[in-house]
Amino acid sequence: MSLARYSLNHLHAFAVAARHLNMTRAADELCVTQAAVSHQIKALEAQIGKPLFLRTARGLLLSDDGARIASAVQQAFAQLDGALALLDDTTPPQRFTLAVVGTYLHGHLLERLPDFQARHPAIDLRIQTHNNKLDLATETVDAAIRFGDGAWHRVEALPLQAAPLTVLCAPGLRLESPQDLRRCTLLRSYRSSDWAAWAQAAGCAPLNPRGPQFDASVLMVQAAMAGAGVALAPATMFRRELASGRLVQPFATAIDAGRYWLTRALGREPPPAYEAVRGWLLGTVAAVDSARATSG
């Protein structure tokens, strides 16, 4: 299918409606009527020959085909906006400060930053790391990626990636069964119940972690690779280390102790760059999910 066949207005209406999943809010953003948005999307669906949205009792949902193309279309418009902004010499770069928990920065974000810069050259992205304990109401950041259950007070939390915790260690440590962990140094995070939850899920006797405590999983896993003990951390954030053989996952058992979220303070208007950052982050996650589904 050639892009020339499709109206940019129709594609833009789809991109905005896919982000809001609400025709009224999409119409407000586009400064047109709700009927106009619906008409543009129906025209696009007619051209494509497939429905892009499902109209349900719960509201508007993306169809499978709509979900497949939404992030790419949204990123295309964000990239176009950024490119056109470069032609306006009077437009200063949009500064955006994103606080990121260190493990997510290491395991997902760092290698993708060149892609963000290419897509959004008009955004001056500032990265700060944190140890998962910050108050968005008082911090001078525009948004934050953190790990947890999403139930933070006065915070809008958008789910990014699941991150089940599993046992990770250096390859030289021979672990045949979960009971072998009783003779190991078990490294700890600030969540004191993690090892107990994992032992219960693995069906082994309670474990007694007494190893050093870390405020970041990325540091804990680096200690494990150095032979300081066994870590309980999200394997999905250490794919490179696992693929290289510097780190191993001896057991399949994993527990859900939270996920990564994009958060911002409610009651404070997000800067103009927020939608571009948000859309790009969701696109990177969708690409990971798609690659995993294809390989799995």
C-alpha atoms as a PDB file:
ATOM      1  CA  MET A   1       0.000   0.000   0.000  1.00  0.00           C
ATOM      2  CA  SER A   2       1.419   3.375  -1.034  1.00  0.00           C
ATOM      3  CA  LEU A   3       1.244   6.322   1.372  1.00  0.00           C
ATOM      4  CA  ALA A   4       0.174   8.540  -1.540  1.00  0.00           C
ATOM      5  CA  ARG A   5      -3.184   6.760  -1.555  1.00  0.00           C
ATOM      6  CA  TYR A   6      -4.107   8.091   1.867  1.00  0.00           C
ATOM      7  CA  SER A   7      -5.109  11.527   3.103  1.00  0.00           C
ATOM      8  CA  LEU A   8      -2.780  13.019   5.724  1.00  0.00           C
ATOM      9  CA  ASN A   9      -5.861  14.524   7.390  1.00  0.00           C
ATOM     10  CA  HIS A  10      -7.396  11.070   7.727  1.00  0.00           C
ATOM     11  CA  LEU A  11      -4.160   9.594   9.090  1.00  0.00           C
ATOM     12  CA  HIS A  12      -3.772  12.490  11.531  1.00  0.00           C
ATOM     13  CA  ALA A  13      -7.330  12.016  12.792  1.00  0.00           C
ATOM     14  CA  PHE A  14      -6.574   8.329  13.337  1.00  0.00           C
ATOM     15  CA  ALA A  15      -3.325   9.083  15.198  1.00  0.00           C
ATOM     16  CA  VAL A  16      -5.015  11.517  17.580  1.00  0.00           C
ATOM     17  CA  ALA A  17      -8.084   9.314  18.144  1.00  0.00           C
ATOM     18  CA  ALA A  18      -5.844   6.300  18.795  1.00  0.00           C
ATOM     19  CA  ARG A  19      -4.017   8.248  21.500  1.00  0.00           C
ATOM     20  CA  HIS A  20      -7.168   9.475  23.258  1.00  0.00           C
ATOM     21  CA  LEU A  21      -9.494   6.527  22.472  1.00  0.00           C
ATOM     22  CA  ASN A  22     -12.208   9.170  22.662  1.00  0.00           C
ATOM     23  CA  MET A  23     -13.705  10.983  19.668  1.00  0.00           C
ATOM     24  CA  THR A  24     -14.706  14.063  21.653  1.00  0.00           C
ATOM     25  CA  ARG A  25     -11.190  14.646  23.025  1.00  0.00           C
ATOM     26  CA  ALA A  26      -9.711  13.943  19.597  1.00  0.00           C
ATOM     27  CA  ALA A  27     -12.040  16.503  18.045  1.00  0.00           C
ATOM     28  CA  ASP A  28     -11.072  19.087  20.683  1.00  0.00           C
ATOM     29  CA  GLU A  29      -7.367  18.595  19.923  1.00  0.00           C
ATOM     30  CA  LEU A  30      -7.922  18.818  16.171  1.00  0.00           C
ATOM     31  CA  CYS A  31     -10.290  21.798  16.505  1.00  0.00           C
ATOM     32  CA  VAL A  32     -13.007  20.091  14.454  1.00  0.00           C
ATOM     33  CA  THR A  33     -16.324  18.471  15.271  1.00  0.00           C
ATOM     34  CA  GLN A  34     -16.667  14.929  16.573  1.00  0.00           C
ATOM     35  CA  ALA A  35     -18.621  14.074  13.413  1.00  0.00           C
ATOM     36  CA  ALA A  36     -15.696  15.278  11.287  1.00  0.00           C
ATOM     37  CA  VAL A  37     -13.251  13.010  13.137  1.00  0.00           C
ATOM     38  CA  SER A  38     -15.579  10.029  12.766  1.00  0.00           C
ATOM     39  CA  HIS A  39     -16.007  10.770   9.056  1.00  0.00           C
ATOM     40  CA  GLN A  40     -12.240  10.978   8.471  1.00  0.00           C
ATOM     41  CA  ILE A  41     -11.614   7.697  10.286  1.00  0.00           C
ATOM     42  CA  LYS A  42     -14.424   5.906   8.454  1.00  0.00           C
ATOM     43  CA  ALA A  43     -13.004   7.170   5.169  1.00  0.00           C
ATOM     44  CA  LEU A  44      -9.562   5.811   6.128  1.00  0.00           C
ATOM     45  CA  GLU A  45     -11.055   2.471   7.175  1.00  0.00           C
ATOM     46  CA  ALA A  46     -12.890   2.288   3.845  1.00  0.00           C
ATOM     47  CA  GLN A  47      -9.652   2.873   1.948  1.00  0.00           C
ATOM     48  CA  ILE A  48      -7.738   0.299   3.979  1.00  0.00           C
ATOM     49  CA  GLY A  49     -10.613  -2.168   3.910  1.00  0.00           C
ATOM     50  CA  LYS A  50     -10.284  -3.021   7.587  1.00  0.00           C
ATOM     51  CA  PRO A  51     -11.717  -1.537  10.818  1.00  0.00           C
ATOM     52  CA  LEU A  52      -9.178   0.385  12.882  1.00  0.00           C
ATOM     53  CA  PHE A  53     -11.399   0.843  15.932  1.00  0.00           C
ATOM     54  CA  LEU A  54     -13.943  -1.257  17.791  1.00  0.00           C
ATOM     55  CA  ARG A  55     -16.996   0.583  19.108  1.00  0.00           C
ATOM     56  CA  THR A  56     -17.884  -1.278  22.328  1.00  0.00           C
ATOM     57  CA  ALA A  57     -20.059  -0.695  25.369  1.00  0.00           C
ATOM     58  CA  ARG A  58     -16.864   0.212  27.256  1.00  0.00           C
ATOM     59  CA  GLY A  59     -16.013   2.845  24.681  1.00  0.00           C
ATOM     60  CA  LEU A  60     -13.588   3.095  21.792  1.00  0.00           C
ATOM     61  CA  LEU A  61     -10.891   0.418  21.443  1.00  0.00           C
ATOM     62  CA  LEU A  62      -8.254  -0.173  18.791  1.00  0.00           C
ATOM     63  CA  SER A  63      -8.787  -3.201  16.584  1.00  0.00           C
ATOM     64  CA  ASP A  64      -5.860  -5.573  16.075  1.00  0.00           C
ATOM     65  CA  ASP A  65      -5.018  -3.820  12.804  1.00  0.00           C
ATOM     66  CA  GLY A  66      -5.393  -0.400  14.422  1.00  0.00           C
ATOM     67  CA  ALA A  67      -3.064  -1.379  17.247  1.00  0.00           C
ATOM     68  CA  ARG A  68      -0.490  -2.642  14.724  1.00  0.00           C
ATOM     69  CA  ILE A  69      -0.124   0.743  13.033  1.00  0.00           C
ATOM     70  CA  ALA A  70      -1.060   3.272  15.745  1.00  0.00           C
ATOM     71  CA  SER A  71       2.357   3.888  17.284  1.00  0.00           C
ATOM     72  CA  ALA A  72       4.088   4.071  13.881  1.00  0.00           C
ATOM     73  CA  VAL A  73       1.561   6.621  12.560  1.00  0.00           C
ATOM     74  CA  GLN A  74       1.790   8.673  15.774  1.00  0.00           C
ATOM     75  CA  GLN A  75       5.589   8.665  15.654  1.00  0.00           C
ATOM     76  CA  ALA A  76       5.534   9.682  11.986  1.00  0.00           C
ATOM     77  CA  PHE A  77       3.482  12.793  12.772  1.00  0.00           C
ATOM     78  CA  ALA A  78       5.666  13.609  15.784  1.00  0.00           C
ATOM     79  CA  GLN A  79       8.761  13.295  13.603  1.00  0.00           C
ATOM     80  CA  LEU A  80       7.171  15.515  10.956  1.00  0.00           C
ATOM     81  CA  ASP A  81       6.360  18.149  13.595  1.00  0.00           C
ATOM     82  CA  GLY A  82       9.963  18.030  14.810  1.00  0.00           C
ATOM     83  CA  ALA A  83      11.364  18.379  11.291  1.00  0.00           C
ATOM     84  CA  LEU A  84       9.138  21.356  10.468  1.00  0.00           C
ATOM     85  CA  ALA A  85      10.076  23.010  13.759  1.00  0.00           C
ATOM     86  CA  LEU A  86      13.704  23.058  12.581  1.00  0.00           C
ATOM     87  CA  LEU A  87      12.684  25.448   9.813  1.00  0.00           C
ATOM     88  CA  ASP A  88      11.413  27.970  12.340  1.00  0.00           C
ATOM     89  CA  ASP A  89      14.518  29.735  13.634  1.00  0.00           C
ATOM     90  CA  THR A  90      12.432  31.544  16.239  1.00  0.00           C
ATOM     91  CA  THR A  91      11.372  28.289  17.926  1.00  0.00           C
ATOM     92  CA  PRO A  92      13.742  27.372  20.770  1.00  0.00           C
ATOM     93  CA  PRO A  93      14.328  23.682  21.563  1.00  0.00           C
ATOM     94  CA  GLN A  94      11.665  22.207  23.842  1.00  0.00           C
ATOM     95  CA  ARG A  95      13.432  21.168  27.020  1.00  0.00           C
ATOM     96  CA  PHE A  96      12.040  18.020  28.605  1.00  0.00           C
ATOM     97  CA  THR A  97      13.453  16.485  31.778  1.00  0.00           C
ATOM     98  CA  LEU A  98      12.762  12.787  32.273  1.00  0.00           C
ATOM     99  CA  ALA A  99      13.706  11.062  35.513  1.00  0.00           C
ATOM    100  CA  VAL A 100      14.387   7.361  34.943  1.00  0.00           C
ATOM    101  CA  VAL A 101      14.974   4.548  37.392  1.00  0.00           C
ATOM    102  CA  GLY A 102      18.500   3.300  36.674  1.00  0.00           C
ATOM    103  CA  THR A 103      17.593  -0.266  35.747  1.00  0.00           C
ATOM    104  CA  TYR A 104      15.166   0.852  33.032  1.00  0.00           C
ATOM    105  CA  LEU A 105      17.700   3.317  31.676  1.00  0.00           C
ATOM    106  CA  HIS A 106      20.285   0.517  31.475  1.00  0.00           C
ATOM    107  CA  GLY A 107      18.017  -2.211  30.145  1.00  0.00           C
ATOM    108  CA  HIS A 108      15.757  -0.377  27.711  1.00  0.00           C
ATOM    109  CA  LEU A 109      16.272   3.333  27.209  1.00  0.00           C
ATOM    110  CA  LEU A 110      19.982   3.949  26.591  1.00  0.00           C
ATOM    111  CA  GLU A 111      20.299   2.016  23.351  1.00  0.00           C
ATOM    112  CA  ARG A 112      17.165   3.696  21.959  1.00  0.00           C
ATOM    113  CA  LEU A 113      18.098   7.329  22.653  1.00  0.00           C
ATOM    114  CA  PRO A 114      19.664   7.843  19.183  1.00  0.00           C
ATOM    115  CA  ASP A 115      16.295   6.916  17.684  1.00  0.00           C
ATOM    116  CA  PHE A 116      14.567   9.529  19.851  1.00  0.00           C
ATOM    117  CA  GLN A 117      17.050  12.203  18.799  1.00  0.00           C
ATOM    118  CA  ALA A 118      16.534  11.349  15.135  1.00  0.00           C
ATOM    119  CA  ARG A 119      12.744  11.464  15.441  1.00  0.00           C
ATOM    120  CA  HIS A 120      12.521  14.537  17.681  1.00  0.00           C
ATOM    121  CA  PRO A 121      15.445  16.879  16.969  1.00  0.00           C
ATOM    122  CA  ALA A 122      13.514  19.868  18.356  1.00  0.00           C
ATOM    123  CA  ILE A 123      13.290  18.345  21.852  1.00  0.00           C
ATOM    124  CA  ASP A 124      16.158  18.951  24.266  1.00  0.00           C
ATOM    125  CA  LEU A 125      15.846  15.752  26.334  1.00  0.00           C
ATOM    126  CA  ARG A 126      17.427  15.826  29.791  1.00  0.00           C
ATOM    127  CA  ILE A 127      17.823  12.473  31.592  1.00  0.00           C
ATOM    128  CA  GLN A 128      18.089  12.188  35.371  1.00  0.00           C
ATOM    129  CA  THR A 129      18.405   8.904  37.255  1.00  0.00           C
ATOM    130  CA  HIS A 130      16.661   8.120  40.523  1.00  0.00           C
ATOM    131  CA  ASN A 131      16.363   5.163  42.908  1.00  0.00           C
ATOM    132  CA  ASN A 132      12.581   4.821  42.541  1.00  0.00           C
ATOM    133  CA  LYS A 133      11.834   7.187  45.420  1.00  0.00           C
ATOM    134  CA  LEU A 134      10.849  10.635  44.240  1.00  0.00           C
ATOM    135  CA  ASP A 135       8.040  13.118  44.752  1.00  0.00           C
ATOM    136  CA  LEU A 136       6.800  14.460  41.426  1.00  0.00           C
ATOM    137  CA  ALA A 137       5.000  17.304  43.185  1.00  0.00           C
ATOM    138  CA  THR A 138       8.305  18.765  44.344  1.00  0.00           C
ATOM    139  CA  GLU A 139      10.861  17.438  41.830  1.00  0.00           C
ATOM    140  CA  THR A 140      11.847  19.701  38.948  1.00  0.00           C
ATOM    141  CA  VAL A 141      11.199  17.043  36.306  1.00  0.00           C
ATOM    142  CA  ASP A 142       8.494  16.824  33.663  1.00  0.00           C
ATOM    143  CA  ALA A 143       7.882  13.081  33.976  1.00  0.00           C
ATOM    144  CA  ALA A 144       9.431  10.000  35.536  1.00  0.00           C
ATOM    145  CA  ILE A 145       9.757   6.312  34.729  1.00  0.00           C
ATOM    146  CA  ARG A 146       9.549   4.233  37.874  1.00  0.00           C
ATOM    147  CA  PHE A 147       8.904   0.689  39.059  1.00  0.00           C
ATOM    148  CA  GLY A 148       5.917  -0.274  41.199  1.00  0.00           C
ATOM    149  CA  ASP A 149       2.198  -0.971  41.221  1.00  0.00           C
ATOM    150  CA  GLY A 150       1.125   2.361  39.722  1.00  0.00           C
ATOM    151  CA  ALA A 151      -0.794   3.446  42.824  1.00  0.00           C
ATOM    152  CA  TRP A 152       0.965   6.735  43.569  1.00  0.00           C
ATOM    153  CA  HIS A 153      -0.963   9.644  45.087  1.00  0.00           C
ATOM    154  CA  ARG A 154      -1.832  12.512  42.748  1.00  0.00           C
ATOM    155  CA  VAL A 155       0.082  10.893  39.898  1.00  0.00           C
ATOM    156  CA  GLU A 156      -0.994   9.872  36.400  1.00  0.00           C
ATOM    157  CA  ALA A 157       0.623   6.482  35.755  1.00  0.00           C
ATOM    158  CA  LEU A 158       0.808   4.959  32.273  1.00  0.00           C
ATOM    159  CA  PRO A 159       1.945   1.304  32.160  1.00  0.00           C
ATOM    160  CA  LEU A 160       5.031   0.646  30.053  1.00  0.00           C
ATOM    161  CA  GLN A 161       6.543  -2.801  30.602  1.00  0.00           C
ATOM    162  CA  ALA A 162       6.030  -5.787  32.849  1.00  0.00           C
ATOM    163  CA  ALA A 163       9.211  -6.811  34.670  1.00  0.00           C
ATOM    164  CA  PRO A 164       8.828 -10.115  36.555  1.00  0.00           C
ATOM    165  CA  LEU A 165      11.632 -10.810  39.002  1.00  0.00           C
ATOM    166  CA  THR A 166      13.720 -13.963  38.684  1.00  0.00           C
ATOM    167  CA  VAL A 167      16.999 -15.382  39.980  1.00  0.00           C
ATOM    168  CA  LEU A 168      20.102 -14.088  38.162  1.00  0.00           C
ATOM    169  CA  CYS A 169      23.701 -14.992  38.905  1.00  0.00           C
ATOM    170  CA  ALA A 170      27.209 -15.457  37.497  1.00  0.00           C
ATOM    171  CA  PRO A 171      27.654 -18.512  35.239  1.00  0.00           C
ATOM    172  CA  GLY A 172      30.185 -20.130  37.559  1.00  0.00           C
ATOM    173  CA  LEU A 173      27.619 -20.600  40.319  1.00  0.00           C
ATOM    174  CA  ARG A 174      26.119 -24.094  40.002  1.00  0.00           C
ATOM    175  CA  LEU A 175      22.478 -24.050  41.048  1.00  0.00           C
ATOM    176  CA  GLU A 176      20.559 -27.262  40.378  1.00  0.00           C
ATOM    177  CA  SER A 177      17.419 -26.561  42.443  1.00  0.00           C
ATOM    178  CA  PRO A 178      15.944 -23.634  44.376  1.00  0.00           C
ATOM    179  CA  GLN A 179      17.065 -25.311  47.625  1.00  0.00           C
ATOM    180  CA  ASP A 180      20.676 -24.666  46.569  1.00  0.00           C
ATOM    181  CA  LEU A 181      20.049 -20.979  47.199  1.00  0.00           C
ATOM    182  CA  ARG A 182      20.155 -21.662  50.932  1.00  0.00           C
ATOM    183  CA  ARG A 183      23.958 -21.884  50.742  1.00  0.00           C
ATOM    184  CA  CYS A 184      24.282 -18.676  48.663  1.00  0.00           C
ATOM    185  CA  THR A 185      24.589 -15.012  49.506  1.00  0.00           C
ATOM    186  CA  LEU A 186      21.254 -13.538  48.505  1.00  0.00           C
ATOM    187  CA  LEU A 187      21.516  -9.906  47.434  1.00  0.00           C
ATOM    188  CA  ARG A 188      18.642  -7.675  48.521  1.00  0.00           C
ATOM    189  CA  SER A 189      16.653  -4.752  47.176  1.00  0.00           C
ATOM    190  CA  TYR A 190      14.662  -2.245  49.218  1.00  0.00           C
ATOM    191  CA  ARG A 191      11.625  -4.551  48.840  1.00  0.00           C
ATOM    192  CA  SER A 192      12.183  -6.911  51.742  1.00  0.00           C
ATOM    193  CA  SER A 193       9.483  -9.391  50.720  1.00  0.00           C
ATOM    194  CA  ASP A 194      10.820 -10.269  47.255  1.00  0.00           C
ATOM    195  CA  TRP A 195      12.856 -13.344  48.201  1.00  0.00           C
ATOM    196  CA  ALA A 196      10.061 -14.757  50.355  1.00  0.00           C
ATOM    197  CA  ALA A 197       7.582 -14.342  47.488  1.00  0.00           C
ATOM    198  CA  TRP A 198       9.954 -15.995  45.029  1.00  0.00           C
ATOM    199  CA  ALA A 199      10.622 -18.965  47.369  1.00  0.00           C
ATOM    200  CA  GLN A 200       6.886 -19.509  47.762  1.00  0.00           C
ATOM    201  CA  ALA A 201       6.365 -19.398  43.993  1.00  0.00           C
ATOM    202  CA  ALA A 202       9.262 -21.826  43.477  1.00  0.00           C
ATOM    203  CA  GLY A 203       7.870 -24.227  46.072  1.00  0.00           C
ATOM    204  CA  CYS A 204      10.955 -24.253  48.255  1.00  0.00           C
ATOM    205  CA  ALA A 205      11.532 -23.641  51.954  1.00  0.00           C
ATOM    206  CA  PRO A 206      11.754 -19.986  53.057  1.00  0.00           C
ATOM    207  CA  LEU A 207      15.032 -18.277  52.204  1.00  0.00           C
ATOM    208  CA  ASN A 208      16.928 -15.983  54.523  1.00  0.00           C
ATOM    209  CA  PRO A 209      18.597 -13.210  52.520  1.00  0.00           C
ATOM    210  CA  ARG A 210      21.504 -11.614  54.375  1.00  0.00           C
ATOM    211  CA  GLY A 211      23.554 -10.207  51.536  1.00  0.00           C
ATOM    212  CA  PRO A 212      24.189  -6.520  50.840  1.00  0.00           C
ATOM    213  CA  GLN A 213      21.177  -4.339  50.094  1.00  0.00           C
ATOM    214  CA  PHE A 214      21.068  -2.190  46.940  1.00  0.00           C
ATOM    215  CA  ASP A 215      18.814   0.696  45.923  1.00  0.00           C
ATOM    216  CA  ALA A 216      18.958  -0.224  42.223  1.00  0.00           C
ATOM    217  CA  SER A 217      18.598  -3.601  40.520  1.00  0.00           C
ATOM    218  CA  VAL A 218      21.220  -2.663  37.929  1.00  0.00           C
ATOM    219  CA  LEU A 219      23.830  -2.365  40.674  1.00  0.00           C
ATOM    220  CA  MET A 220      22.639  -5.548  42.352  1.00  0.00           C
ATOM    221  CA  VAL A 221      22.998  -7.504  39.101  1.00  0.00           C
ATOM    222  CA  GLN A 222      26.454  -6.054  38.489  1.00  0.00           C
ATOM    223  CA  ALA A 223      27.417  -7.314  41.952  1.00  0.00           C
ATOM    224  CA  ALA A 224      25.992 -10.738  41.082  1.00  0.00           C
ATOM    225  CA  MET A 225      28.054 -10.878  37.868  1.00  0.00           C
ATOM    226  CA  ALA A 226      31.128 -10.011  39.943  1.00  0.00           C
ATOM    227  CA  GLY A 227      30.444 -13.049  42.149  1.00  0.00           C
ATOM    228  CA  ALA A 228      29.141 -11.181  45.198  1.00  0.00           C
ATOM    229  CA  GLY A 229      25.956 -13.251  45.401  1.00  0.00           C
ATOM    230  CA  VAL A 230      22.636 -14.049  43.719  1.00  0.00           C
ATOM    231  CA  ALA A 231      20.256 -11.327  42.546  1.00  0.00           C
ATOM    232  CA  LEU A 232      16.499 -11.281  42.186  1.00  0.00           C
ATOM    233  CA  ALA A 233      15.846  -8.875  39.345  1.00  0.00           C
ATOM    234  CA  PRO A 234      13.908  -8.380  36.073  1.00  0.00           C
ATOM    235  CA  ALA A 235      15.558 -10.563  33.416  1.00  0.00           C
ATOM    236  CA  THR A 236      13.926  -8.452  30.689  1.00  0.00           C
ATOM    237  CA  MET A 237      16.232  -5.558  31.631  1.00  0.00           C
ATOM    238  CA  PHE A 238      19.380  -7.682  31.325  1.00  0.00           C
ATOM    239  CA  ARG A 239      18.923  -9.356  27.938  1.00  0.00           C
ATOM    240  CA  ARG A 240      22.362  -8.291  26.712  1.00  0.00           C
ATOM    241  CA  GLU A 241      24.129  -9.752  29.736  1.00  0.00           C
ATOM    242  CA  LEU A 242      22.134 -12.992  29.474  1.00  0.00           C
ATOM    243  CA  ALA A 243      22.785 -13.272  25.737  1.00  0.00           C
ATOM    244  CA  SER A 244      26.528 -12.774  26.233  1.00  0.00           C
ATOM    245  CA  GLY A 245      26.701 -15.475  28.904  1.00  0.00           C
ATOM    246  CA  ARG A 246      28.044 -13.098  31.562  1.00  0.00           C
ATOM    247  CA  LEU A 247      24.789 -13.658  33.455  1.00  0.00           C
ATOM    248  CA  VAL A 248      22.555 -16.719  33.739  1.00  0.00           C
ATOM    249  CA  GLN A 249      18.980 -17.389  34.819  1.00  0.00           C
ATOM    250  CA  PRO A 250      19.112 -20.816  36.527  1.00  0.00           C
ATOM    251  CA  PHE A 251      15.363 -21.174  37.186  1.00  0.00           C
ATOM    252  CA  ALA A 252      12.250 -20.356  35.169  1.00  0.00           C
ATOM    253  CA  THR A 253      10.263 -19.196  38.212  1.00  0.00           C
ATOM    254  CA  ALA A 254       9.474 -15.481  38.187  1.00  0.00           C
ATOM    255  CA  ILE A 255       7.231 -13.284  40.339  1.00  0.00           C
ATOM    256  CA  ASP A 256       5.265 -10.155  39.569  1.00  0.00           C
ATOM    257  CA  ALA A 257       6.345  -7.444  42.000  1.00  0.00           C
ATOM    258  CA  GLY A 258       5.367  -4.501  39.790  1.00  0.00           C
ATOM    259  CA  ARG A 259       6.071  -3.016  36.372  1.00  0.00           C
ATOM    260  CA  TYR A 260       7.611   0.097  34.842  1.00  0.00           C
ATOM    261  CA  TRP A 261       5.353   3.138  34.498  1.00  0.00           C
ATOM    262  CA  LEU A 262       5.574   6.543  32.890  1.00  0.00           C
ATOM    263  CA  THR A 263       4.340   8.972  35.529  1.00  0.00           C
ATOM    264  CA  ARG A 264       3.644  12.677  35.809  1.00  0.00           C
ATOM    265  CA  ALA A 265       2.174  14.892  38.487  1.00  0.00           C
ATOM    266  CA  LEU A 266      -1.554  15.550  38.244  1.00  0.00           C
ATOM    267  CA  GLY A 267      -2.615  19.150  38.553  1.00  0.00           C
ATOM    268  CA  ARG A 268       0.388  20.383  36.581  1.00  0.00           C
ATOM    269  CA  GLU A 269       0.021  20.985  32.853  1.00  0.00           C
ATOM    270  CA  PRO A 270       2.467  18.786  30.927  1.00  0.00           C
ATOM    271  CA  PRO A 271       4.889  20.622  28.621  1.00  0.00           C
ATOM    272  CA  PRO A 272       4.259  20.478  24.857  1.00  0.00           C
ATOM    273  CA  ALA A 273       6.967  17.828  24.396  1.00  0.00           C
ATOM    274  CA  TYR A 274       5.215  15.375  26.711  1.00  0.00           C
ATOM    275  CA  GLU A 275       2.994  13.847  24.016  1.00  0.00           C
ATOM    276  CA  ALA A 276       5.986  13.227  21.757  1.00  0.00           C
ATOM    277  CA  VAL A 277       7.987  11.608  24.566  1.00  0.00           C
ATOM    278  CA  ARG A 278       4.985   9.566  25.650  1.00  0.00           C
ATOM    279  CA  GLY A 279       4.233   8.386  22.118  1.00  0.00           C
ATOM    280  CA  TRP A 280       7.863   7.468  21.480  1.00  0.00           C
ATOM    281  CA  LEU A 281       8.150   5.488  24.718  1.00  0.00           C
ATOM    282  CA  LEU A 282       4.969   3.541  23.947  1.00  0.00           C
ATOM    283  CA  GLY A 283       6.323   2.867  20.467  1.00  0.00           C
ATOM    284  CA  THR A 284       9.561   1.387  21.814  1.00  0.00           C
ATOM    285  CA  VAL A 285       7.589  -0.885  24.139  1.00  0.00           C
ATOM    286  CA  ALA A 286       5.271  -1.981  21.317  1.00  0.00           C
ATOM    287  CA  ALA A 287       8.314  -2.819  19.194  1.00  0.00           C
ATOM    288  CA  VAL A 288       9.763  -4.984  21.976  1.00  0.00           C
ATOM    289  CA  ASP A 289       6.446  -6.777  22.461  1.00  0.00           C
ATOM    290  CA  SER A 290       6.119  -7.351  18.715  1.00  0.00           C
ATOM    291  CA  ALA A 291       9.672  -8.728  18.434  1.00  0.00           C
ATOM    292  CA  ARG A 292       9.070 -11.056  21.391  1.00  0.00           C
ATOM    293  CA  ALA A 293       5.804 -12.322  19.890  1.00  0.00           C
ATOM    294  CA  THR A 294       7.507 -12.957  16.539  1.00  0.00           C
ATOM    295  CA  SER A 295      10.471 -14.802  18.070  1.00  0.00           C
ATOM    296  CA  GLY A 296       8.309 -16.709  20.554  1.00  0.00           C
END
